[in-house]
């Protein structure tokens, strides 16, 4: 399923007045093929819940989660998905039956960064203090 036209056109607008979501504990990172510099919180959630399957340029989304035991995943799940990690896992146990595919899972910031750098359309999150290597870009989250 493609993001709706209005959603695509508004996905990465550089809206000066848009408040930035507090993400002090994590940084959203993408493969360089992903367009834009910002992402709305609801669009980020749609990607990680399997509802948004393509970027505005037609590239398939490739979300990657941290381990279910990760503190950074706990913070991301609460702030972006609006549920604790257990709630997200429960969502995916039901969504798989409907044919949705859950995000890949990696065990560390380094593994997420490696996946994102190597995978066109990839998006993930890492600890805010993680060193962002070349070949990976940061997206700002806006409301």
N, C-alpha and C. Protein backbone atom coordinates (compact mmCIF):
# COMPACT_ATOMS: atom_id res chain seq x y z
N UNK A 1 0.84 -1.16 0.00
CA UNK A 1 0.00 0.00 0.00
C UNK A 1 0.89 1.23 0.00
N UNK A 2 0.59 2.18 -0.89
CA UNK A 2 1.34 3.43 -0.93
C UNK A 2 0.76 4.39 0.08
N UNK A 3 1.59 5.30 0.56
CA UNK A 3 1.09 6.37 1.39
C UNK A 3 0.15 7.20 0.54
N UNK A 4 -0.93 7.64 1.08
CA UNK A 4 -1.90 8.45 0.33
C UNK A 4 -1.21 9.69 -0.20
N UNK A 5 -1.73 10.22 -1.32
CA UNK A 5 -1.12 11.37 -1.98
C UNK A 5 -0.89 12.53 -1.04
N UNK A 6 -1.88 12.86 -0.24
CA UNK A 6 -1.72 13.98 0.69
C UNK A 6 -0.66 13.67 1.73
N UNK A 7 -0.62 12.42 2.15
CA UNK A 7 0.37 12.02 3.14
C UNK A 7 1.76 12.09 2.53
N UNK A 8 1.90 11.63 1.29
CA UNK A 8 3.19 11.67 0.62
C UNK A 8 3.67 13.10 0.49
N UNK A 9 2.79 13.98 0.02
CA UNK A 9 3.23 15.35 -0.20
C UNK A 9 3.58 16.05 1.10
N UNK A 10 2.98 15.64 2.20
CA UNK A 10 3.26 16.29 3.47
C UNK A 10 4.24 15.55 4.33
N UNK A 11 4.74 14.40 3.85
CA UNK A 11 5.57 13.55 4.68
C UNK A 11 6.83 14.23 5.18
N UNK A 12 7.48 15.01 4.35
CA UNK A 12 8.75 15.59 4.75
C UNK A 12 8.79 17.09 4.52
N UNK A 13 7.70 17.77 4.78
CA UNK A 13 7.70 19.21 4.62
C UNK A 13 8.60 19.86 5.65
N UNK A 14 9.31 20.84 5.22
CA UNK A 14 10.13 21.62 6.16
C UNK A 14 9.25 22.74 6.68
N UNK A 15 8.47 22.45 7.71
CA UNK A 15 7.53 23.40 8.26
C UNK A 15 8.21 24.13 9.41
N UNK A 16 8.55 25.40 9.22
CA UNK A 16 9.29 26.11 10.26
C UNK A 16 8.58 26.16 11.60
N UNK A 17 7.26 26.24 11.60
CA UNK A 17 6.52 26.38 12.85
C UNK A 17 6.22 25.04 13.51
N UNK A 18 6.55 23.94 12.86
CA UNK A 18 6.23 22.63 13.40
C UNK A 18 7.09 22.34 14.62
N UNK A 19 6.45 22.00 15.74
CA UNK A 19 7.24 21.68 16.92
C UNK A 19 7.96 20.35 16.77
N UNK A 20 9.16 20.29 17.27
CA UNK A 20 9.93 19.06 17.23
C UNK A 20 9.50 18.17 18.39
N UNK A 21 9.33 16.90 18.12
CA UNK A 21 9.00 15.94 19.17
C UNK A 21 10.25 15.69 19.99
N UNK A 22 10.09 15.61 21.29
CA UNK A 22 11.23 15.33 22.15
C UNK A 22 11.69 13.90 21.93
N UNK A 23 12.89 13.77 21.46
CA UNK A 23 13.46 12.44 21.24
C UNK A 23 14.86 12.40 21.83
N UNK A 24 14.96 12.88 23.06
CA UNK A 24 16.26 13.01 23.70
C UNK A 24 16.97 11.67 23.88
N UNK A 25 16.21 10.58 23.92
CA UNK A 25 16.81 9.28 24.18
C UNK A 25 17.11 8.47 22.92
N UNK A 26 16.66 8.95 21.77
CA UNK A 26 16.90 8.22 20.52
C UNK A 26 16.98 9.18 19.34
N UNK A 27 17.58 8.69 18.27
CA UNK A 27 17.72 9.44 17.02
C UNK A 27 17.18 8.55 15.92
N UNK A 28 16.34 9.11 15.05
CA UNK A 28 15.81 8.36 13.91
C UNK A 28 16.81 8.48 12.77
N UNK A 29 17.17 7.35 12.19
CA UNK A 29 18.16 7.32 11.11
C UNK A 29 17.57 6.62 9.89
N UNK A 30 18.03 7.06 8.71
CA UNK A 30 17.55 6.49 7.45
C UNK A 30 18.70 6.28 6.48
N UNK A 31 18.43 5.42 5.51
CA UNK A 31 19.34 5.22 4.38
C UNK A 31 19.32 6.51 3.55
N UNK A 32 20.43 6.86 2.90
CA UNK A 32 20.46 8.09 2.09
C UNK A 32 19.43 8.13 0.96
N UNK A 33 18.87 6.99 0.56
CA UNK A 33 17.86 6.97 -0.50
C UNK A 33 16.52 7.53 -0.05
N UNK A 34 16.32 7.67 1.25
CA UNK A 34 15.06 8.16 1.79
C UNK A 34 15.01 9.68 1.62
N UNK A 35 13.93 10.20 1.00
CA UNK A 35 13.84 11.64 0.77
C UNK A 35 13.50 12.42 2.04
N UNK A 36 13.89 13.67 2.07
CA UNK A 36 13.49 14.58 3.15
C UNK A 36 14.44 14.63 4.33
N UNK A 37 14.15 15.60 5.19
CA UNK A 37 14.96 15.81 6.39
C UNK A 37 14.15 15.70 7.67
N UNK A 38 12.82 15.66 7.53
CA UNK A 38 11.93 15.57 8.68
C UNK A 38 10.89 14.49 8.42
N UNK A 39 10.30 14.01 9.51
CA UNK A 39 9.20 13.07 9.40
C UNK A 39 8.20 13.37 10.52
N UNK A 40 6.94 13.34 10.17
CA UNK A 40 5.91 13.56 11.18
C UNK A 40 5.78 12.31 12.05
N UNK A 41 5.49 12.54 13.31
CA UNK A 41 5.37 11.45 14.28
C UNK A 41 4.37 10.40 13.79
N UNK A 42 3.22 10.82 13.27
CA UNK A 42 2.21 9.85 12.84
C UNK A 42 2.67 9.05 11.62
N UNK A 43 3.50 9.65 10.75
CA UNK A 43 4.02 8.92 9.60
C UNK A 43 5.07 7.90 10.05
N UNK A 44 5.86 8.28 11.03
CA UNK A 44 6.85 7.36 11.60
C UNK A 44 6.15 6.15 12.21
N UNK A 45 5.09 6.41 12.96
CA UNK A 45 4.31 5.31 13.55
C UNK A 45 3.72 4.42 12.46
N UNK A 46 3.19 5.03 11.40
CA UNK A 46 2.60 4.24 10.31
C UNK A 46 3.62 3.31 9.67
N UNK A 47 4.85 3.77 9.54
CA UNK A 47 5.91 2.92 8.98
C UNK A 47 6.19 1.75 9.92
N UNK A 48 6.35 2.03 11.21
CA UNK A 48 6.71 0.98 12.16
C UNK A 48 5.54 0.06 12.52
N UNK A 49 4.32 0.44 12.11
CA UNK A 49 3.16 -0.43 12.32
C UNK A 49 2.75 -1.13 11.03
N UNK A 50 3.55 -0.95 9.97
CA UNK A 50 3.31 -1.66 8.72
C UNK A 50 2.24 -1.08 7.83
N UNK A 51 1.78 0.14 8.12
CA UNK A 51 0.72 0.75 7.32
C UNK A 51 1.27 1.56 6.15
N UNK A 52 2.45 2.10 6.27
CA UNK A 52 3.10 2.87 5.20
C UNK A 52 4.21 2.00 4.64
N UNK A 53 4.06 1.56 3.42
CA UNK A 53 4.99 0.59 2.86
C UNK A 53 5.93 1.15 1.81
N UNK A 54 5.73 2.39 1.40
CA UNK A 54 6.61 3.02 0.42
C UNK A 54 6.88 4.46 0.81
N UNK A 55 8.08 4.91 0.47
CA UNK A 55 8.44 6.32 0.62
C UNK A 55 7.84 7.10 -0.55
N UNK A 56 7.89 8.41 -0.47
CA UNK A 56 7.34 9.28 -1.52
C UNK A 56 7.96 9.00 -2.88
N UNK A 57 9.20 8.54 -2.91
CA UNK A 57 9.88 8.27 -4.18
C UNK A 57 9.63 6.85 -4.70
N UNK A 58 8.76 6.09 -4.02
CA UNK A 58 8.42 4.74 -4.46
C UNK A 58 9.29 3.64 -3.87
N UNK A 59 10.34 4.00 -3.16
CA UNK A 59 11.20 3.00 -2.52
C UNK A 59 10.44 2.34 -1.37
N UNK A 60 10.47 1.01 -1.28
CA UNK A 60 9.81 0.35 -0.15
C UNK A 60 10.44 0.77 1.19
N UNK A 61 9.60 0.94 2.20
CA UNK A 61 10.12 1.21 3.53
C UNK A 61 10.71 -0.08 4.10
N UNK A 62 11.75 0.06 4.89
CA UNK A 62 12.40 -1.09 5.53
C UNK A 62 12.70 -0.72 6.98
N UNK A 63 11.66 -0.74 7.84
CA UNK A 63 11.88 -0.37 9.24
C UNK A 63 12.66 -1.44 10.00
N UNK A 64 13.45 -0.98 10.94
CA UNK A 64 14.22 -1.89 11.79
C UNK A 64 14.08 -1.44 13.24
N UNK A 65 13.66 -2.37 14.08
CA UNK A 65 13.49 -2.13 15.52
C UNK A 65 14.73 -2.58 16.27
N UNK A 66 14.86 -2.07 17.48
CA UNK A 66 15.87 -2.57 18.42
C UNK A 66 15.27 -3.79 19.13
N UNK A 67 16.08 -4.49 19.86
CA UNK A 67 15.65 -5.64 20.65
C UNK A 67 14.50 -5.24 21.58
N UNK A 68 13.59 -6.18 21.83
CA UNK A 68 12.47 -5.93 22.73
C UNK A 68 12.92 -5.60 24.15
N UNK A 69 14.15 -5.94 24.50
CA UNK A 69 14.68 -5.65 25.84
C UNK A 69 15.42 -4.33 25.91
N UNK A 70 15.52 -3.63 24.79
CA UNK A 70 16.29 -2.40 24.71
C UNK A 70 15.55 -1.22 25.34
N UNK A 71 16.27 -0.43 26.13
CA UNK A 71 15.70 0.78 26.71
C UNK A 71 15.29 1.78 25.64
N UNK A 72 16.09 1.87 24.57
CA UNK A 72 15.77 2.82 23.50
C UNK A 72 14.49 2.40 22.78
N UNK A 73 14.27 1.10 22.63
CA UNK A 73 13.01 0.65 22.01
C UNK A 73 11.83 0.97 22.92
N UNK A 74 12.00 0.81 24.21
CA UNK A 74 10.92 1.12 25.16
C UNK A 74 10.50 2.59 25.02
N UNK A 75 11.46 3.47 24.96
CA UNK A 75 11.18 4.90 24.83
C UNK A 75 10.52 5.19 23.48
N UNK A 76 11.06 4.64 22.39
CA UNK A 76 10.52 4.85 21.05
C UNK A 76 9.08 4.32 20.98
N UNK A 77 8.84 3.13 21.50
CA UNK A 77 7.49 2.54 21.45
C UNK A 77 6.48 3.40 22.19
N UNK A 78 6.86 3.87 23.37
CA UNK A 78 5.94 4.72 24.15
C UNK A 78 5.67 6.03 23.44
N UNK A 79 6.72 6.71 22.97
CA UNK A 79 6.56 8.05 22.40
C UNK A 79 6.02 8.06 20.98
N UNK A 80 6.41 7.11 20.16
CA UNK A 80 6.00 7.13 18.75
C UNK A 80 4.79 6.24 18.50
N UNK A 81 4.79 5.03 19.02
CA UNK A 81 3.69 4.11 18.78
C UNK A 81 2.56 4.27 19.80
N UNK A 82 2.88 4.89 20.94
CA UNK A 82 1.86 5.12 21.96
C UNK A 82 1.54 3.90 22.81
N UNK A 83 2.41 2.89 22.76
CA UNK A 83 2.21 1.67 23.55
C UNK A 83 3.55 1.20 24.08
N UNK A 84 3.56 0.44 25.16
CA UNK A 84 4.82 -0.16 25.61
C UNK A 84 5.25 -1.24 24.61
N UNK A 85 6.47 -1.70 24.73
CA UNK A 85 6.99 -2.73 23.83
C UNK A 85 6.07 -3.95 23.82
N UNK A 86 5.57 -4.36 24.98
CA UNK A 86 4.67 -5.53 25.04
C UNK A 86 3.43 -5.29 24.18
N UNK A 87 2.93 -4.07 24.17
CA UNK A 87 1.77 -3.74 23.34
C UNK A 87 2.10 -3.82 21.86
N UNK A 88 3.28 -3.38 21.49
CA UNK A 88 3.71 -3.46 20.09
C UNK A 88 3.88 -4.92 19.67
N UNK A 89 4.45 -5.73 20.54
CA UNK A 89 4.61 -7.16 20.24
C UNK A 89 3.25 -7.84 20.09
N UNK A 90 2.32 -7.47 20.93
CA UNK A 90 0.97 -8.03 20.84
C UNK A 90 0.31 -7.59 19.52
N UNK A 91 0.47 -6.32 19.16
CA UNK A 91 -0.05 -5.83 17.89
C UNK A 91 0.48 -6.68 16.73
N UNK A 92 1.79 -6.92 16.72
CA UNK A 92 2.39 -7.68 15.62
C UNK A 92 1.95 -9.14 15.62
N UNK A 93 1.70 -9.73 16.76
CA UNK A 93 1.24 -11.12 16.78
C UNK A 93 -0.11 -11.25 16.07
N UNK A 94 -0.93 -10.20 16.12
CA UNK A 94 -2.22 -10.20 15.43
C UNK A 94 -2.07 -9.72 13.99
N UNK A 95 -1.24 -8.73 13.75
CA UNK A 95 -1.10 -8.15 12.41
C UNK A 95 -0.48 -9.12 11.41
N UNK A 96 0.37 -10.00 11.88
CA UNK A 96 0.98 -11.00 10.99
C UNK A 96 -0.10 -11.87 10.35
N UNK A 97 -1.13 -12.19 11.11
CA UNK A 97 -2.25 -12.99 10.59
C UNK A 97 -2.92 -12.26 9.43
N UNK A 98 -2.94 -10.92 9.48
CA UNK A 98 -3.55 -10.11 8.43
C UNK A 98 -2.60 -9.85 7.26
N UNK A 99 -1.42 -10.45 7.31
CA UNK A 99 -0.49 -10.33 6.21
C UNK A 99 0.51 -9.19 6.32
N UNK A 100 0.52 -8.47 7.44
CA UNK A 100 1.52 -7.42 7.62
C UNK A 100 2.84 -8.05 8.06
N UNK A 101 3.92 -7.38 7.71
CA UNK A 101 5.26 -7.88 8.04
C UNK A 101 5.89 -6.96 9.08
N UNK A 102 6.28 -7.50 10.22
CA UNK A 102 6.88 -6.65 11.26
C UNK A 102 8.26 -6.15 10.84
N UNK A 103 8.71 -5.07 11.49
CA UNK A 103 10.06 -4.58 11.22
C UNK A 103 11.10 -5.65 11.55
N UNK A 104 12.23 -5.57 10.87
CA UNK A 104 13.38 -6.39 11.24
C UNK A 104 13.80 -5.98 12.65
N UNK A 105 14.50 -6.83 13.34
CA UNK A 105 14.97 -6.51 14.69
C UNK A 105 16.47 -6.71 14.73
N UNK A 106 17.17 -5.75 15.31
CA UNK A 106 18.61 -5.84 15.51
C UNK A 106 18.90 -5.61 16.99
N UNK A 107 20.01 -6.17 17.46
CA UNK A 107 20.30 -6.19 18.89
C UNK A 107 21.08 -5.02 19.46
N UNK A 108 21.52 -4.10 18.60
CA UNK A 108 22.32 -2.99 19.13
C UNK A 108 22.24 -1.80 18.17
N UNK A 109 22.71 -0.66 18.66
CA UNK A 109 22.79 0.53 17.80
C UNK A 109 23.66 0.24 16.58
N UNK A 110 24.79 -0.41 16.80
CA UNK A 110 25.71 -0.69 15.70
C UNK A 110 25.04 -1.57 14.64
N UNK A 111 24.28 -2.56 15.07
CA UNK A 111 23.60 -3.43 14.12
C UNK A 111 22.51 -2.69 13.36
N UNK A 112 21.79 -1.80 14.04
CA UNK A 112 20.77 -0.99 13.36
C UNK A 112 21.44 -0.09 12.32
N UNK A 113 22.52 0.57 12.70
CA UNK A 113 23.23 1.47 11.78
C UNK A 113 23.77 0.71 10.57
N UNK A 114 24.29 -0.48 10.78
CA UNK A 114 24.79 -1.31 9.68
C UNK A 114 23.65 -1.68 8.73
N UNK A 115 22.51 -2.10 9.28
CA UNK A 115 21.34 -2.44 8.47
C UNK A 115 20.86 -1.24 7.67
N UNK A 116 20.72 -0.10 8.32
CA UNK A 116 20.23 1.11 7.65
C UNK A 116 21.18 1.53 6.54
N UNK A 117 22.47 1.51 6.78
CA UNK A 117 23.45 1.90 5.77
C UNK A 117 23.42 0.97 4.55
N UNK A 118 23.10 -0.29 4.77
CA UNK A 118 23.16 -1.28 3.70
C UNK A 118 21.83 -1.53 2.99
N UNK A 119 20.73 -0.95 3.50
CA UNK A 119 19.41 -1.29 3.00
C UNK A 119 18.68 -0.07 2.47
N UNK A 120 18.45 -0.05 1.17
CA UNK A 120 17.73 1.06 0.56
C UNK A 120 16.33 1.16 1.18
N UNK A 121 15.93 2.37 1.55
CA UNK A 121 14.61 2.59 2.14
C UNK A 121 14.54 2.33 3.63
N UNK A 122 15.68 1.97 4.24
CA UNK A 122 15.67 1.60 5.67
C UNK A 122 15.48 2.81 6.57
N UNK A 123 14.82 2.54 7.69
CA UNK A 123 14.63 3.54 8.75
C UNK A 123 14.72 2.80 10.08
N UNK A 124 15.40 3.41 11.02
CA UNK A 124 15.54 2.82 12.35
C UNK A 124 15.76 3.91 13.37
N UNK A 125 16.10 3.52 14.56
CA UNK A 125 16.39 4.47 15.63
C UNK A 125 17.51 3.90 16.47
N UNK A 126 18.31 4.81 17.00
CA UNK A 126 19.45 4.43 17.83
C UNK A 126 19.50 5.36 19.03
N UNK A 127 20.29 5.01 20.00
CA UNK A 127 20.48 5.86 21.17
C UNK A 127 20.97 7.23 20.72
N UNK A 128 20.55 8.25 21.42
CA UNK A 128 20.91 9.62 21.03
C UNK A 128 22.41 9.87 21.08
N UNK A 129 23.13 9.06 21.85
CA UNK A 129 24.58 9.25 21.92
C UNK A 129 25.34 8.37 20.93
N UNK A 130 24.62 7.63 20.09
CA UNK A 130 25.29 6.79 19.08
C UNK A 130 25.97 7.66 18.04
N UNK A 131 27.14 7.26 17.61
CA UNK A 131 27.86 7.98 16.57
C UNK A 131 27.25 7.58 15.22
N UNK A 132 26.81 8.57 14.46
CA UNK A 132 26.16 8.31 13.17
C UNK A 132 27.25 8.25 12.10
N UNK A 133 27.39 7.10 11.47
CA UNK A 133 28.46 6.93 10.47
C UNK A 133 28.07 7.52 9.11
N UNK A 134 29.06 7.69 8.24
CA UNK A 134 28.73 8.08 6.86
C UNK A 134 27.83 7.00 6.25
N UNK A 135 26.96 7.42 5.35
CA UNK A 135 26.06 6.47 4.72
C UNK A 135 24.75 6.30 5.45
N UNK A 136 24.55 7.08 6.52
CA UNK A 136 23.31 7.07 7.28
C UNK A 136 22.96 8.54 7.55
N UNK A 137 21.67 8.87 7.41
CA UNK A 137 21.21 10.24 7.69
C UNK A 137 20.27 10.26 8.88
N UNK A 138 20.20 11.40 9.54
CA UNK A 138 19.29 11.59 10.68
C UNK A 138 18.05 12.32 10.15
N UNK A 139 16.86 11.87 10.62
CA UNK A 139 15.61 12.57 10.35
C UNK A 139 15.14 13.23 11.62
N UNK A 140 14.67 14.45 11.50
CA UNK A 140 14.07 15.16 12.62
C UNK A 140 12.59 14.77 12.71
N UNK A 141 12.11 14.49 13.90
CA UNK A 141 10.71 14.14 14.10
C UNK A 141 9.95 15.43 14.44
N UNK A 142 8.83 15.66 13.73
CA UNK A 142 7.99 16.81 13.99
C UNK A 142 6.57 16.33 14.26
N UNK A 143 5.81 17.12 15.00
CA UNK A 143 4.40 16.78 15.27
C UNK A 143 3.55 16.94 14.03
